[in-house]
Amino acid sequence: MKIVIIGASGTIGKAVNTELAQRHEIIEVGSSSGAHQADMSDIAQVRALFQRIGKVDAVVVTAGKLHFGPLAEFTPEQFQVGLNSKLMGQVNVALVAQEYLNDGGSITLTSGIVADQPIRYGTAASMTNSAVEGFVRGAAVELARGLRINVVSPTVLTESLDAYGAFFHGFEPAPASRVALAYSRSVEGVQTGQVYKVW
């Protein structure tokens, strides 16, 4: 298969690449690195990206920014960070990708454990991740030509504990290599509308 990984330079993206590149052709996309660059919050850039790449068999998104902070101090602009990037960025990719996927192709997006297990300072993350999962469930029943869409919901990564561990006391981390298996199951499996929880 020919698979696009958006967010390929991130910790999860690299692990997904390592897993899938054993069996498939990978096209790496980043915001400022990789074979191709695009800001997924700008649908015009997403359209230009797929026009350059052409037809593919699967699209995986492991990118998306969020703001963490105390709810009492949150501003609408800080909520908008996640809404523009992790939510609408991934929605933009899905909207465009359906036009470029071969019949039976798949889209795999990323949410996160805080959609189900809220943490202090993570209100925006809980909101955004829940919205991504809602989009996937809704889109799954409408995609045509046998196209599939799923979402992976990882816990905090073992590799990210130095940066995010303080937010996730009491949570069991997972290595990126284990998280990558859920993306493999989405891409290489048959299910649609699923939330693959790695926690």
N, C-alpha and C. Protein backbone atom coordinates (compact mmCIF):
# COMPACT_ATOMS: atom_id res chain seq x y z
N MET A 1 0.83 -1.19 0.00
CA MET A 1 0.00 0.00 0.00
C MET A 1 0.87 1.25 0.00
N LYS A 2 0.31 2.31 -0.50
CA LYS A 2 0.93 3.63 -0.47
C LYS A 2 0.25 4.43 0.65
N ILE A 3 1.02 4.78 1.69
CA ILE A 3 0.44 5.36 2.90
C ILE A 3 1.06 6.71 3.20
N VAL A 4 0.21 7.71 3.43
CA VAL A 4 0.65 9.04 3.84
C VAL A 4 0.60 9.12 5.36
N ILE A 5 1.70 9.55 5.97
CA ILE A 5 1.73 9.80 7.41
C ILE A 5 1.95 11.29 7.62
N ILE A 6 0.93 11.96 8.16
CA ILE A 6 1.03 13.39 8.47
C ILE A 6 1.38 13.51 9.95
N GLY A 7 2.52 14.14 10.22
CA GLY A 7 3.07 14.15 11.57
C GLY A 7 4.16 13.10 11.69
N ALA A 8 4.79 12.79 10.57
CA ALA A 8 5.75 11.68 10.51
C ALA A 8 7.00 11.90 11.35
N SER A 9 7.31 13.14 11.68
CA SER A 9 8.54 13.41 12.44
C SER A 9 8.32 13.38 13.95
N GLY A 10 7.06 13.26 14.38
CA GLY A 10 6.76 13.20 15.81
C GLY A 10 7.04 11.82 16.39
N THR A 11 6.92 11.71 17.70
CA THR A 11 7.23 10.45 18.37
C THR A 11 6.32 9.32 17.89
N ILE A 12 5.01 9.58 17.83
CA ILE A 12 4.09 8.54 17.33
C ILE A 12 4.30 8.33 15.84
N GLY A 13 4.44 9.41 15.10
CA GLY A 13 4.62 9.31 13.66
C GLY A 13 5.81 8.46 13.27
N LYS A 14 6.92 8.64 13.97
CA LYS A 14 8.11 7.83 13.68
C LYS A 14 7.87 6.35 13.97
N ALA A 15 7.16 6.08 15.07
CA ALA A 15 6.88 4.69 15.42
C ALA A 15 5.93 4.05 14.41
N VAL A 16 4.94 4.80 13.96
CA VAL A 16 4.01 4.29 12.95
C VAL A 16 4.75 4.03 11.64
N ASN A 17 5.64 4.94 11.29
CA ASN A 17 6.46 4.78 10.08
C ASN A 17 7.27 3.49 10.18
N THR A 18 7.94 3.29 11.31
CA THR A 18 8.76 2.10 11.51
C THR A 18 7.94 0.83 11.36
N GLU A 19 6.72 0.84 11.93
CA GLU A 19 5.86 -0.33 11.86
C GLU A 19 5.37 -0.60 10.44
N LEU A 20 4.86 0.43 9.78
CA LEU A 20 4.22 0.22 8.47
C LEU A 20 5.21 0.14 7.32
N ALA A 21 6.38 0.77 7.46
CA ALA A 21 7.37 0.78 6.37
C ALA A 21 7.94 -0.61 6.11
N GLN A 22 7.75 -1.53 7.04
CA GLN A 22 8.20 -2.92 6.82
C GLN A 22 7.43 -3.58 5.68
N ARG A 23 6.21 -3.06 5.43
CA ARG A 23 5.33 -3.73 4.47
C ARG A 23 4.79 -2.81 3.38
N HIS A 24 4.97 -1.49 3.55
CA HIS A 24 4.31 -0.56 2.64
C HIS A 24 5.21 0.61 2.26
N GLU A 25 4.80 1.34 1.24
CA GLU A 25 5.49 2.57 0.83
C GLU A 25 4.95 3.73 1.66
N ILE A 26 5.83 4.48 2.31
CA ILE A 26 5.42 5.57 3.18
C ILE A 26 5.77 6.92 2.57
N ILE A 27 4.82 7.84 2.63
CA ILE A 27 5.06 9.24 2.24
C ILE A 27 4.99 10.07 3.50
N GLU A 28 6.10 10.68 3.87
CA GLU A 28 6.18 11.45 5.11
C GLU A 28 5.79 12.90 4.89
N VAL A 29 4.91 13.39 5.77
CA VAL A 29 4.47 14.79 5.70
C VAL A 29 4.64 15.42 7.08
N GLY A 30 5.17 16.63 7.10
CA GLY A 30 5.29 17.37 8.35
C GLY A 30 4.90 18.82 8.14
N SER A 31 4.85 19.56 9.22
CA SER A 31 4.56 20.99 9.08
C SER A 31 5.79 21.73 8.56
N SER A 32 6.99 21.20 8.89
CA SER A 32 8.22 21.86 8.42
C SER A 32 9.30 20.86 8.04
N SER A 33 8.97 19.55 8.04
CA SER A 33 9.95 18.54 7.67
C SER A 33 9.26 17.43 6.90
N GLY A 34 10.03 16.43 6.48
CA GLY A 34 9.47 15.34 5.70
C GLY A 34 9.57 15.59 4.21
N ALA A 35 9.14 14.61 3.43
CA ALA A 35 9.20 14.75 1.97
C ALA A 35 8.26 15.84 1.48
N HIS A 36 7.19 16.08 2.23
CA HIS A 36 6.22 17.13 1.89
C HIS A 36 5.88 17.91 3.16
N GLN A 37 5.52 19.18 2.99
CA GLN A 37 5.12 20.01 4.12
C GLN A 37 3.72 20.59 3.88
N ALA A 38 2.96 20.69 4.96
CA ALA A 38 1.63 21.31 4.89
C ALA A 38 1.15 21.62 6.29
N ASP A 39 0.46 22.74 6.42
CA ASP A 39 -0.22 23.09 7.67
C ASP A 39 -1.64 22.58 7.53
N MET A 40 -1.97 21.51 8.27
CA MET A 40 -3.28 20.88 8.06
C MET A 40 -4.44 21.73 8.54
N SER A 41 -4.17 22.79 9.32
CA SER A 41 -5.26 23.68 9.73
C SER A 41 -5.73 24.56 8.56
N ASP A 42 -4.97 24.56 7.46
CA ASP A 42 -5.30 25.33 6.25
C ASP A 42 -5.70 24.34 5.16
N ILE A 43 -6.99 24.25 4.88
CA ILE A 43 -7.45 23.23 3.93
C ILE A 43 -6.89 23.45 2.53
N ALA A 44 -6.55 24.68 2.19
CA ALA A 44 -5.94 24.94 0.88
C ALA A 44 -4.58 24.25 0.79
N GLN A 45 -3.82 24.27 1.89
CA GLN A 45 -2.52 23.59 1.90
C GLN A 45 -2.72 22.07 1.85
N VAL A 46 -3.76 21.58 2.50
CA VAL A 46 -4.05 20.14 2.47
C VAL A 46 -4.41 19.71 1.05
N ARG A 47 -5.23 20.52 0.38
CA ARG A 47 -5.61 20.21 -1.00
C ARG A 47 -4.37 20.20 -1.91
N ALA A 48 -3.50 21.20 -1.74
CA ALA A 48 -2.28 21.27 -2.55
C ALA A 48 -1.38 20.07 -2.29
N LEU A 49 -1.33 19.64 -1.03
CA LEU A 49 -0.53 18.47 -0.66
C LEU A 49 -0.99 17.24 -1.43
N PHE A 50 -2.29 16.96 -1.39
CA PHE A 50 -2.79 15.76 -2.05
C PHE A 50 -2.75 15.87 -3.56
N GLN A 51 -2.83 17.07 -4.08
CA GLN A 51 -2.66 17.25 -5.53
C GLN A 51 -1.25 16.85 -5.95
N ARG A 52 -0.27 17.15 -5.09
CA ARG A 52 1.12 16.77 -5.38
C ARG A 52 1.33 15.26 -5.23
N ILE A 53 0.73 14.68 -4.20
CA ILE A 53 0.95 13.26 -3.89
C ILE A 53 0.17 12.34 -4.81
N GLY A 54 -1.08 12.71 -5.09
CA GLY A 54 -1.93 11.87 -5.93
C GLY A 54 -2.62 10.76 -5.15
N LYS A 55 -3.03 9.73 -5.85
CA LYS A 55 -3.81 8.64 -5.26
C LYS A 55 -2.99 7.84 -4.25
N VAL A 56 -3.64 7.49 -3.14
CA VAL A 56 -2.99 6.69 -2.09
C VAL A 56 -3.98 5.66 -1.56
N ASP A 57 -3.48 4.76 -0.70
CA ASP A 57 -4.32 3.71 -0.14
C ASP A 57 -4.71 3.97 1.31
N ALA A 58 -3.93 4.79 2.01
CA ALA A 58 -4.24 5.08 3.41
C ALA A 58 -3.62 6.40 3.81
N VAL A 59 -4.29 7.07 4.74
CA VAL A 59 -3.80 8.33 5.31
C VAL A 59 -3.84 8.20 6.82
N VAL A 60 -2.73 8.51 7.46
CA VAL A 60 -2.62 8.48 8.91
C VAL A 60 -2.24 9.87 9.39
N VAL A 61 -2.94 10.38 10.41
CA VAL A 61 -2.58 11.67 11.00
C VAL A 61 -2.18 11.46 12.45
N THR A 62 -0.95 11.85 12.77
CA THR A 62 -0.46 11.76 14.15
C THR A 62 -0.04 13.14 14.64
N ALA A 63 -0.62 14.17 14.05
CA ALA A 63 -0.26 15.55 14.38
C ALA A 63 -1.44 16.26 15.02
N GLY A 64 -1.16 17.39 15.65
CA GLY A 64 -2.23 18.20 16.23
C GLY A 64 -1.78 18.87 17.51
N LYS A 65 -1.93 20.18 17.58
CA LYS A 65 -1.51 20.96 18.75
C LYS A 65 -2.68 21.15 19.72
N LEU A 66 -2.34 21.24 21.01
CA LEU A 66 -3.32 21.52 22.06
C LEU A 66 -2.70 22.48 23.07
N HIS A 67 -3.56 23.23 23.76
CA HIS A 67 -3.07 24.09 24.85
C HIS A 67 -3.52 23.50 26.18
N PHE A 68 -2.60 23.40 27.12
CA PHE A 68 -2.91 22.94 28.47
C PHE A 68 -2.79 24.12 29.43
N GLY A 69 -3.73 24.23 30.35
CA GLY A 69 -3.68 25.30 31.33
C GLY A 69 -4.91 25.28 32.23
N PRO A 70 -4.88 26.05 33.32
CA PRO A 70 -6.01 26.09 34.26
C PRO A 70 -7.26 26.65 33.60
N LEU A 71 -8.39 25.97 33.82
CA LEU A 71 -9.65 26.42 33.21
C LEU A 71 -9.98 27.86 33.60
N ALA A 72 -9.70 28.24 34.85
CA ALA A 72 -10.04 29.58 35.33
C ALA A 72 -9.31 30.67 34.55
N GLU A 73 -8.21 30.30 33.89
CA GLU A 73 -7.41 31.29 33.15
C GLU A 73 -7.51 31.11 31.64
N PHE A 74 -8.28 30.10 31.20
CA PHE A 74 -8.35 29.80 29.77
C PHE A 74 -9.03 30.92 28.99
N THR A 75 -8.52 31.17 27.80
CA THR A 75 -9.13 32.16 26.91
C THR A 75 -9.72 31.43 25.69
N PRO A 76 -10.66 32.05 25.00
CA PRO A 76 -11.18 31.44 23.77
C PRO A 76 -10.06 31.16 22.77
N GLU A 77 -9.07 32.04 22.73
CA GLU A 77 -7.96 31.85 21.79
C GLU A 77 -7.17 30.59 22.10
N GLN A 78 -7.04 30.28 23.40
CA GLN A 78 -6.31 29.07 23.77
C GLN A 78 -7.11 27.82 23.44
N PHE A 79 -8.44 27.87 23.61
CA PHE A 79 -9.25 26.75 23.15
C PHE A 79 -9.12 26.57 21.64
N GLN A 80 -9.02 27.68 20.93
CA GLN A 80 -8.97 27.66 19.47
C GLN A 80 -7.73 26.95 18.95
N VAL A 81 -6.66 26.90 19.75
CA VAL A 81 -5.44 26.21 19.32
C VAL A 81 -5.76 24.77 18.95
N GLY A 82 -6.41 24.06 19.86
CA GLY A 82 -6.76 22.67 19.59
C GLY A 82 -7.85 22.52 18.54
N LEU A 83 -8.82 23.44 18.58
CA LEU A 83 -9.91 23.37 17.60
C LEU A 83 -9.40 23.57 16.18
N ASN A 84 -8.47 24.51 16.00
CA ASN A 84 -7.92 24.77 14.66
C ASN A 84 -6.98 23.67 14.21
N SER A 85 -6.15 23.18 15.13
CA SER A 85 -5.10 22.23 14.75
C SER A 85 -5.56 20.78 14.87
N LYS A 86 -5.77 20.31 16.10
CA LYS A 86 -6.04 18.87 16.27
C LYS A 86 -7.41 18.45 15.78
N LEU A 87 -8.41 19.33 15.90
CA LEU A 87 -9.74 18.98 15.41
C LEU A 87 -9.89 19.30 13.93
N MET A 88 -9.96 20.57 13.58
CA MET A 88 -10.22 20.91 12.18
C MET A 88 -9.07 20.55 11.25
N GLY A 89 -7.86 20.51 11.79
CA GLY A 89 -6.73 20.06 10.97
C GLY A 89 -6.96 18.63 10.49
N GLN A 90 -7.35 17.76 11.43
CA GLN A 90 -7.60 16.36 11.06
C GLN A 90 -8.86 16.22 10.21
N VAL A 91 -9.88 17.01 10.52
CA VAL A 91 -11.10 17.00 9.70
C VAL A 91 -10.77 17.44 8.27
N ASN A 92 -9.96 18.48 8.13
CA ASN A 92 -9.55 18.94 6.80
C ASN A 92 -8.88 17.81 6.01
N VAL A 93 -7.99 17.10 6.68
CA VAL A 93 -7.31 15.99 6.01
C VAL A 93 -8.32 14.94 5.56
N ALA A 94 -9.25 14.59 6.44
CA ALA A 94 -10.25 13.58 6.08
C ALA A 94 -11.12 14.03 4.92
N LEU A 95 -11.53 15.30 4.94
CA LEU A 95 -12.39 15.81 3.87
C LEU A 95 -11.71 15.73 2.51
N VAL A 96 -10.43 16.09 2.48
CA VAL A 96 -9.70 16.08 1.21
C VAL A 96 -9.28 14.65 0.85
N ALA A 97 -8.82 13.89 1.83
CA ALA A 97 -8.29 12.55 1.55
C ALA A 97 -9.30 11.63 0.90
N GLN A 98 -10.59 11.78 1.24
CA GLN A 98 -11.59 10.87 0.66
C GLN A 98 -11.61 10.97 -0.87
N GLU A 99 -11.18 12.11 -1.41
CA GLU A 99 -11.14 12.29 -2.86
C GLU A 99 -9.93 11.60 -3.49
N TYR A 100 -8.90 11.35 -2.70
CA TYR A 100 -7.64 10.82 -3.23
C TYR A 100 -7.37 9.38 -2.82
N LEU A 101 -8.22 8.81 -1.97
CA LEU A 101 -8.03 7.42 -1.55
C LEU A 101 -8.56 6.46 -2.61
N ASN A 102 -7.82 5.41 -2.85
CA ASN A 102 -8.31 4.35 -3.72
C ASN A 102 -9.47 3.64 -3.02
N ASP A 103 -10.32 2.98 -3.79
CA ASP A 103 -11.45 2.24 -3.22
C ASP A 103 -10.96 1.32 -2.11
N GLY A 104 -11.69 1.31 -0.99
CA GLY A 104 -11.32 0.47 0.14
C GLY A 104 -10.22 1.05 1.00
N GLY A 105 -9.80 2.28 0.72
CA GLY A 105 -8.73 2.92 1.49
C GLY A 105 -9.19 3.36 2.87
N SER A 106 -8.24 3.83 3.67
CA SER A 106 -8.57 4.18 5.05
C SER A 106 -7.94 5.49 5.50
N ILE A 107 -8.60 6.09 6.49
CA ILE A 107 -8.12 7.29 7.17
C ILE A 107 -8.02 6.93 8.65
N THR A 108 -6.89 7.26 9.27
CA THR A 108 -6.72 7.02 10.70
C THR A 108 -6.31 8.32 11.37
N LEU A 109 -7.12 8.79 12.32
CA LEU A 109 -6.84 10.03 13.03
C LEU A 109 -6.37 9.72 14.45
N THR A 110 -6.06 10.76 15.22
CA THR A 110 -5.54 10.59 16.58
C THR A 110 -6.32 11.43 17.57
N SER A 111 -6.76 10.81 18.67
CA SER A 111 -7.37 11.55 19.78
C SER A 111 -6.45 11.40 20.99
N GLY A 112 -6.95 10.88 22.10
CA GLY A 112 -6.10 10.71 23.26
C GLY A 112 -6.92 10.30 24.47
N ILE A 113 -6.26 9.74 25.46
CA ILE A 113 -6.91 9.17 26.64
C ILE A 113 -7.77 10.19 27.39
N VAL A 114 -7.41 11.48 27.31
CA VAL A 114 -8.16 12.48 28.09
C VAL A 114 -9.56 12.72 27.55
N ALA A 115 -9.89 12.15 26.39
CA ALA A 115 -11.29 12.18 25.94
C ALA A 115 -12.16 11.40 26.91
N ASP A 116 -11.58 10.38 27.55
CA ASP A 116 -12.30 9.52 28.49
C ASP A 116 -11.87 9.73 29.94
N GLN A 117 -10.61 10.08 30.13
CA GLN A 117 -10.03 10.19 31.47
C GLN A 117 -9.46 11.60 31.64
N PRO A 118 -10.27 12.58 32.05
CA PRO A 118 -9.80 13.96 32.14
C PRO A 118 -8.65 14.13 33.14
N ILE A 119 -7.84 15.13 32.88
CA ILE A 119 -6.72 15.46 33.76
C ILE A 119 -6.79 16.95 34.11
N ARG A 120 -6.12 17.32 35.18
CA ARG A 120 -6.03 18.74 35.54
C ARG A 120 -5.34 19.51 34.40
N TYR A 121 -5.86 20.66 34.08
CA TYR A 121 -5.35 21.55 33.03
C TYR A 121 -5.60 21.01 31.61
N GLY A 122 -6.41 19.94 31.49
CA GLY A 122 -6.61 19.32 30.18
C GLY A 122 -8.00 19.48 29.60
N THR A 123 -8.74 20.50 30.04
CA THR A 123 -10.11 20.66 29.55
C THR A 123 -10.16 20.79 28.03
N ALA A 124 -9.27 21.60 27.46
CA ALA A 124 -9.27 21.78 26.01
C ALA A 124 -8.92 20.48 25.30
N ALA A 125 -8.01 19.70 25.89
CA ALA A 125 -7.63 18.43 25.28
C ALA A 125 -8.79 17.44 25.34
N SER A 126 -9.51 17.38 26.47
CA SER A 126 -10.66 16.49 26.57
C SER A 126 -11.73 16.86 25.54
N MET A 127 -11.99 18.15 25.43
CA MET A 127 -13.00 18.63 24.49
C MET A 127 -12.61 18.29 23.05
N THR A 128 -11.38 18.61 22.68
CA THR A 128 -10.93 18.42 21.30
C THR A 128 -10.85 16.95 20.93
N ASN A 129 -10.28 16.12 21.81
CA ASN A 129 -10.17 14.70 21.52
C ASN A 129 -11.54 14.04 21.40
N SER A 130 -12.48 14.44 22.25
CA SER A 130 -13.84 13.90 22.16
C SER A 130 -14.50 14.29 20.84
N ALA A 131 -14.23 15.50 20.39
CA ALA A 131 -14.80 15.96 19.11
C ALA A 131 -14.22 15.18 17.94
N VAL A 132 -12.93 14.88 17.98
CA VAL A 132 -12.31 14.08 16.92
C VAL A 132 -12.98 12.71 16.85
N GLU A 133 -13.21 12.10 18.01
CA GLU A 133 -13.85 10.78 18.03
C GLU A 133 -15.29 10.84 17.52
N GLY A 134 -16.00 11.91 17.85
CA GLY A 134 -17.36 12.09 17.35
C GLY A 134 -17.38 12.24 15.84
N PHE A 135 -16.41 12.98 15.31
CA PHE A 135 -16.32 13.15 13.86
C PHE A 135 -16.10 11.80 13.18
N VAL A 136 -15.21 10.99 13.73
CA VAL A 136 -14.90 9.70 13.12
C VAL A 136 -16.14 8.79 13.11
N ARG A 137 -16.87 8.76 14.22
CA ARG A 137 -18.07 7.91 14.26
C ARG A 137 -19.09 8.38 13.24
N GLY A 138 -19.26 9.70 13.11
CA GLY A 138 -20.21 10.23 12.14
C GLY A 138 -19.78 10.01 10.71
N ALA A 139 -18.49 10.25 10.44
CA ALA A 139 -17.98 10.12 9.06
C ALA A 139 -18.02 8.67 8.59
N ALA A 140 -17.82 7.73 9.53
CA ALA A 140 -17.74 6.31 9.15
C ALA A 140 -19.00 5.81 8.46
N VAL A 141 -20.15 6.37 8.82
CA VAL A 141 -21.39 5.87 8.23
C VAL A 141 -21.71 6.54 6.90
N GLU A 142 -20.89 7.53 6.51
CA GLU A 142 -21.17 8.25 5.26
C GLU A 142 -20.13 8.06 4.17
N LEU A 143 -18.94 7.59 4.53
CA LEU A 143 -17.91 7.43 3.51
C LEU A 143 -18.34 6.42 2.45
N ALA A 144 -18.03 6.71 1.21
CA ALA A 144 -18.43 5.86 0.09
C ALA A 144 -17.24 5.01 -0.40
N ARG A 145 -17.49 4.18 -1.38
CA ARG A 145 -16.47 3.37 -2.07
C ARG A 145 -15.70 2.44 -1.14
N GLY A 146 -16.33 2.05 -0.04
CA GLY A 146 -15.66 1.14 0.88
C GLY A 146 -14.57 1.79 1.71
N LEU A 147 -14.54 3.13 1.73
CA LEU A 147 -13.53 3.83 2.53
C LEU A 147 -13.83 3.65 4.01
N ARG A 148 -12.77 3.58 4.82
CA ARG A 148 -12.90 3.40 6.25
C ARG A 148 -12.23 4.56 6.99
N ILE A 149 -12.71 4.82 8.21
CA ILE A 149 -12.08 5.83 9.06
C ILE A 149 -12.13 5.37 10.52
N ASN A 150 -10.99 5.47 11.19
CA ASN A 150 -10.88 5.11 12.60
C ASN A 150 -10.04 6.17 13.32
N VAL A 151 -9.97 6.04 14.64
CA VAL A 151 -9.15 6.96 15.43
C VAL A 151 -8.43 6.16 16.51
N VAL A 152 -7.17 6.51 16.74
CA VAL A 152 -6.38 5.89 17.81
C VAL A 152 -6.34 6.84 18.99
N SER A 153 -6.64 6.30 20.18
CA SER A 153 -6.62 7.09 21.42
C SER A 153 -5.52 6.56 22.33
N PRO A 154 -4.32 7.16 22.26
CA PRO A 154 -3.22 6.66 23.11
C PRO A 154 -3.21 7.30 24.48
N THR A 155 -2.64 6.56 25.44
CA THR A 155 -2.32 7.14 26.74
C THR A 155 -1.04 7.97 26.58
N VAL A 156 -0.54 8.50 27.67
CA VAL A 156 0.73 9.24 27.61
C VAL A 156 1.83 8.27 27.18
N LEU A 157 2.72 8.74 26.31
CA LEU A 157 3.79 7.90 25.80
C LEU A 157 4.93 7.79 26.82
N THR A 158 5.52 6.63 26.89
CA THR A 158 6.71 6.45 27.72
C THR A 158 7.78 7.47 27.33
N GLU A 159 7.92 7.68 26.03
CA GLU A 159 8.94 8.61 25.52
C GLU A 159 8.64 10.07 25.85
N SER A 160 7.41 10.37 26.24
CA SER A 160 7.01 11.76 26.50
C SER A 160 6.86 12.09 27.98
N LEU A 161 7.25 11.17 28.84
CA LEU A 161 7.06 11.39 30.28
C LEU A 161 7.82 12.61 30.79
N ASP A 162 9.01 12.88 30.25
CA ASP A 162 9.77 14.04 30.69
C ASP A 162 8.99 15.33 30.45
N ALA A 163 8.29 15.39 29.33
CA ALA A 163 7.55 16.60 28.96
C ALA A 163 6.15 16.65 29.58
N TYR A 164 5.46 15.51 29.63
CA TYR A 164 4.05 15.51 30.01
C TYR A 164 3.72 14.68 31.26
N GLY A 165 4.71 14.02 31.82
CA GLY A 165 4.46 13.13 32.94
C GLY A 165 3.78 13.80 34.11
N ALA A 166 4.07 15.08 34.35
CA ALA A 166 3.47 15.80 35.48
C ALA A 166 1.95 15.91 35.35
N PHE A 167 1.44 15.84 34.13
CA PHE A 167 -0.01 15.90 33.90
C PHE A 167 -0.68 14.54 34.12
N PHE A 168 0.13 13.46 34.13
CA PHE A 168 -0.43 12.11 34.06
C PHE A 168 0.02 11.21 35.22
N HIS A 169 0.11 11.76 36.42
CA HIS A 169 0.43 10.93 37.58
C HIS A 169 -0.64 9.85 37.75
N GLY A 170 -0.21 8.61 37.95
CA GLY A 170 -1.14 7.51 38.14
C GLY A 170 -1.57 6.83 36.86
N PHE A 171 -1.21 7.39 35.70
CA PHE A 171 -1.53 6.78 34.42
C PHE A 171 -0.40 5.83 34.02
N GLU A 172 -0.76 4.71 33.43
CA GLU A 172 0.27 3.79 32.93
C GLU A 172 0.67 4.21 31.52
N PRO A 173 1.93 4.57 31.31
CA PRO A 173 2.36 4.99 29.98
C PRO A 173 2.49 3.80 29.03
N ALA A 174 2.53 4.10 27.74
CA ALA A 174 2.73 3.06 26.73
C ALA A 174 3.84 3.50 25.80
N PRO A 175 4.71 2.60 25.40
CA PRO A 175 5.75 2.97 24.43
C PRO A 175 5.13 3.25 23.07
N ALA A 176 5.76 4.13 22.32
CA ALA A 176 5.24 4.49 21.00
C ALA A 176 5.12 3.27 20.08
N SER A 177 6.01 2.30 20.26
CA SER A 177 5.95 1.10 19.41
C SER A 177 4.66 0.32 19.64
N ARG A 178 4.16 0.33 20.87
CA ARG A 178 2.88 -0.35 21.15
C ARG A 178 1.72 0.45 20.57
N VAL A 179 1.78 1.77 20.71
CA VAL A 179 0.74 2.63 20.14
C VAL A 179 0.67 2.44 18.62
N ALA A 180 1.84 2.28 18.00
CA ALA A 180 1.89 2.14 16.54
C ALA A 180 1.12 0.93 16.05
N LEU A 181 1.01 -0.10 16.88
CA LEU A 181 0.27 -1.30 16.48
C LEU A 181 -1.21 -0.99 16.24
N ALA A 182 -1.76 -0.04 17.00
CA ALA A 182 -3.16 0.32 16.80
C ALA A 182 -3.37 0.99 15.44
N TYR A 183 -2.40 1.79 15.02
CA TYR A 183 -2.48 2.39 13.69
C TYR A 183 -2.38 1.32 12.61
N SER A 184 -1.52 0.32 12.84
CA SER A 184 -1.42 -0.80 11.91
C SER A 184 -2.76 -1.52 11.81
N ARG A 185 -3.41 -1.75 12.94
CA ARG A 185 -4.70 -2.44 12.94
C ARG A 185 -5.73 -1.64 12.15
N SER A 186 -5.71 -0.32 12.30
CA SER A 186 -6.65 0.53 11.56
C SER A 186 -6.38 0.49 10.06
N VAL A 187 -5.12 0.64 9.69
CA VAL A 187 -4.74 0.71 8.27
C VAL A 187 -4.90 -0.64 7.58
N GLU A 188 -4.45 -1.70 8.25
CA GLU A 188 -4.37 -3.01 7.60
C GLU A 188 -5.56 -3.92 7.93
N GLY A 189 -6.45 -3.45 8.78
CA GLY A 189 -7.61 -4.24 9.17
C GLY A 189 -8.82 -3.95 8.30
N VAL A 190 -10.01 -4.24 8.86
CA VAL A 190 -11.25 -4.09 8.09
C VAL A 190 -12.29 -3.23 8.78
N GLN A 191 -12.04 -2.83 10.03
CA GLN A 191 -13.07 -2.12 10.78
C GLN A 191 -13.14 -0.65 10.40
N THR A 192 -14.28 -0.03 10.72
CA THR A 192 -14.46 1.40 10.51
C THR A 192 -15.27 1.97 11.66
N GLY A 193 -15.08 3.26 11.91
CA GLY A 193 -15.81 3.94 12.99
C GLY A 193 -15.33 3.56 14.36
N GLN A 194 -14.13 2.99 14.46
CA GLN A 194 -13.63 2.49 15.74
C GLN A 194 -12.73 3.51 16.45
N VAL A 195 -12.74 3.44 17.78
CA VAL A 195 -11.77 4.16 18.60
C VAL A 195 -10.85 3.10 19.20
N TYR A 196 -9.62 3.04 18.72
CA TYR A 196 -8.66 2.06 19.22
C TYR A 196 -7.95 2.67 20.42
N LYS A 197 -8.27 2.18 21.60
CA LYS A 197 -7.71 2.72 22.85
C LYS A 197 -6.45 1.96 23.23
N VAL A 198 -5.36 2.68 23.39
CA VAL A 198 -4.11 2.07 23.81
C VAL A 198 -3.82 2.55 25.22
N TRP A 199 -4.54 1.96 26.20
CA TRP A 199 -4.38 2.28 27.61
C TRP A 199 -5.19 1.31 28.45
